[in-house]
Protein backbone atom coordinates (compact mmCIF):
# COMPACT_ATOMS: atom_id res chain seq x y z
CA MET A 1 -24.36 33.63 -27.67
CA SER A 2 -24.30 29.98 -28.67
CA HIS A 3 -23.92 27.08 -26.27
CA GLU A 4 -20.43 26.41 -27.62
CA GLN A 5 -19.33 29.96 -26.87
CA ARG A 6 -20.77 29.87 -23.32
CA THR A 7 -19.04 26.61 -22.45
CA ALA A 8 -15.73 27.20 -24.24
CA GLY A 9 -12.84 26.46 -21.89
CA HIS A 10 -15.05 24.78 -19.35
CA GLY A 11 -15.27 21.13 -18.41
CA PRO A 12 -18.44 19.06 -18.14
CA HIS A 13 -19.41 20.73 -14.86
CA GLY A 14 -18.47 24.29 -15.70
CA ARG A 15 -14.94 24.00 -14.31
CA SER A 16 -11.88 25.10 -16.18
CA ASP A 17 -10.00 22.36 -18.00
CA ALA A 18 -6.70 24.24 -17.74
CA PRO A 19 -3.62 22.02 -17.65
CA GLY A 20 -2.73 20.86 -14.17
CA THR A 21 -6.25 21.24 -12.76
CA ASP A 22 -7.42 17.69 -12.23
CA PRO A 23 -10.25 17.54 -9.66
CA ILE A 24 -9.32 13.97 -8.75
CA SER A 25 -5.61 14.64 -8.28
CA GLY A 26 -6.16 16.13 -4.82
CA TRP A 27 -7.82 12.92 -3.70
CA VAL A 28 -5.11 10.84 -5.29
CA ARG A 29 -2.33 12.92 -3.71
CA GLY A 30 -4.06 12.55 -0.35
CA GLY A 31 -4.43 8.83 -0.99
CA VAL A 32 -0.71 8.53 -1.75
CA ALA A 33 0.19 10.38 1.46
CA PHE A 34 -2.17 8.13 3.41
CA ALA A 35 -0.68 5.11 1.65
CA GLY A 36 2.78 6.22 2.79
CA VAL A 37 1.58 6.43 6.39
CA LEU A 38 -0.12 3.04 6.09
CA MET A 39 3.09 1.56 4.68
CA LEU A 40 5.07 2.93 7.63
CA CYS A 41 2.58 1.53 10.14
CA SER A 42 2.12 -1.75 8.31
CA GLY A 43 5.88 -2.22 8.00
CA VAL A 44 6.47 -1.63 11.70
CA LEU A 45 3.60 -3.95 12.63
CA ALA A 46 4.98 -6.63 10.29
CA VAL A 47 8.35 -6.34 12.04
CA LEU A 48 6.63 -6.76 15.41
CA GLN A 49 4.63 -9.68 14.03
CA GLY A 50 7.86 -11.25 12.82
CA ILE A 51 9.58 -10.73 16.17
CA ALA A 52 6.64 -12.38 17.92
CA ALA A 53 6.95 -15.37 15.58
CA VAL A 54 10.73 -15.66 16.01
CA VAL A 55 10.91 -15.17 19.77
CA GLY A 56 7.79 -16.95 20.97
CA ASP A 57 6.56 -19.87 18.94
CA ASP A 58 3.47 -20.12 21.17
CA VAL A 59 2.04 -16.76 19.99
CA TYR A 60 0.56 -18.24 16.84
CA GLY A 61 -1.53 -21.39 16.67
CA LYS A 62 -0.03 -24.49 15.17
CA VAL A 63 -1.28 -25.38 11.73
CA GLY A 64 -1.99 -28.94 10.71
CA ASN A 65 -1.43 -30.05 7.12
CA TYR A 66 -1.18 -26.73 5.35
CA VAL A 67 0.22 -26.75 1.83
CA TYR A 68 2.42 -23.67 2.38
CA ARG A 69 3.76 -24.76 5.72
CA ILE A 70 6.97 -22.99 6.66
CA ASP A 71 8.57 -23.07 10.08
CA LEU A 72 7.18 -20.24 12.21
CA THR A 73 10.68 -18.87 12.72
CA GLY A 74 11.05 -18.69 8.93
CA TRP A 75 7.77 -16.80 8.67
CA GLY A 76 9.01 -14.45 11.36
CA TRP A 77 12.18 -13.57 9.47
CA ILE A 78 10.24 -13.08 6.26
CA HIS A 79 7.91 -10.66 8.08
CA ILE A 80 10.84 -8.78 9.62
CA VAL A 81 12.70 -8.30 6.33
CA LEU A 82 9.63 -7.37 4.28
CA GLY A 83 8.30 -5.16 7.09
CA LEU A 84 11.54 -3.17 7.23
CA ALA A 85 11.55 -2.77 3.45
CA VAL A 86 7.89 -1.63 3.42
CA ALA A 87 8.48 0.88 6.25
CA VAL A 88 11.54 2.40 4.55
CA THR A 89 9.68 2.58 1.25
CA GLY A 90 6.70 4.20 3.00
CA ALA A 91 9.02 6.92 4.27
CA GLY A 92 10.21 7.39 0.69
CA VAL A 93 6.61 7.70 -0.51
CA LEU A 94 5.99 10.41 2.08
CA LYS A 95 9.08 12.28 0.84
CA GLY A 96 7.71 12.12 -2.73
CA ALA A 97 10.38 9.85 -4.21
CA ALA A 98 9.30 8.33 -7.53
CA TRP A 99 11.35 5.17 -6.87
CA ALA A 100 9.38 4.65 -3.66
CA ARG A 101 6.06 4.49 -5.49
CA TYR A 102 7.32 1.78 -7.83
CA ALA A 103 9.13 -0.12 -5.08
CA GLY A 104 6.03 0.28 -2.90
CA ILE A 105 3.82 -1.37 -5.50
CA LEU A 106 6.23 -4.31 -5.69
CA LEU A 107 6.74 -4.68 -1.92
CA VAL A 108 3.08 -4.28 -1.02
CA SER A 109 2.16 -6.83 -3.68
CA LEU A 110 4.60 -9.24 -2.02
CA SER A 111 2.97 -8.38 1.30
CA VAL A 112 -0.44 -9.38 -0.07
CA ILE A 113 0.97 -12.74 -1.14
CA LEU A 114 2.75 -13.18 2.19
CA GLN A 115 -0.39 -12.40 4.19
CA PHE A 116 -2.40 -14.81 2.05
CA LEU A 117 0.08 -17.56 2.81
CA PHE A 118 0.06 -16.57 6.51
CA LEU A 119 -3.78 -16.81 6.73
CA PRO A 120 -3.86 -20.02 8.80
CA TYR A 121 -1.65 -18.50 11.51
CA ALA A 122 -3.49 -15.18 11.92
CA PRO A 123 -6.61 -15.17 9.70
CA PHE A 124 -8.33 -12.03 10.97
CA TRP A 125 -5.19 -9.89 10.95
CA SER A 126 -4.08 -11.21 7.55
CA VAL A 127 -7.40 -10.23 5.94
CA ILE A 128 -7.14 -6.72 7.42
CA VAL A 129 -3.58 -6.30 6.15
CA ILE A 130 -4.56 -7.59 2.69
CA ALA A 131 -7.35 -4.98 2.50
CA ILE A 132 -4.96 -2.19 3.57
CA ASP A 133 -2.34 -3.39 1.08
CA LEU A 134 -4.88 -3.34 -1.77
CA PHE A 135 -5.74 0.28 -0.95
CA VAL A 136 -2.03 1.16 -0.93
CA ILE A 137 -1.55 -0.49 -4.33
CA TRP A 138 -4.52 1.47 -5.71
CA ALA A 139 -3.21 4.76 -4.35
CA LEU A 140 0.32 4.22 -5.64
CA THR A 141 -0.86 3.16 -9.11
CA SER A 142 -3.38 6.04 -9.38
CA TYR A 143 -0.80 8.77 -8.83
CA ARG A 144 0.14 10.75 -11.90
CA ILE A 145 2.86 13.34 -12.00
CA ALA A 146 1.37 16.68 -13.01
CA ARG A 147 2.35 17.74 -16.50
CA THR A 148 3.71 21.19 -17.04
CA PRO A 149 1.97 23.22 -19.78
């Protein structure tokens, strides 16, 4: 039996290359589910961060001459609105809605920009949220709908 006959129908590691069997898809599906949970948590935390900025202006340090200076109350409302949108979209991602993946990519990209601009107020937290948001973007863009044979 030739090598071609022995390996016919098998992938590079001896696995079947049948349609719908993607060894990475399990990881990606798990990553999307985790991204949905992260979006829910991140959205709720952004709302709480926004409330802290709106209610108590002494929670965050005052910034000197920062180019992107916005009133802290303005930042708070931006965090509240975007946080609510991210949390709702995260719930949609967990339910498997296709619109939620696309909306999630857009909203989480806005969150990265927002956290970058918010760096002077909460640098450590902003860097953590940016890292989480980048993972979420990766997970949502890596997801592929399985093709039927």
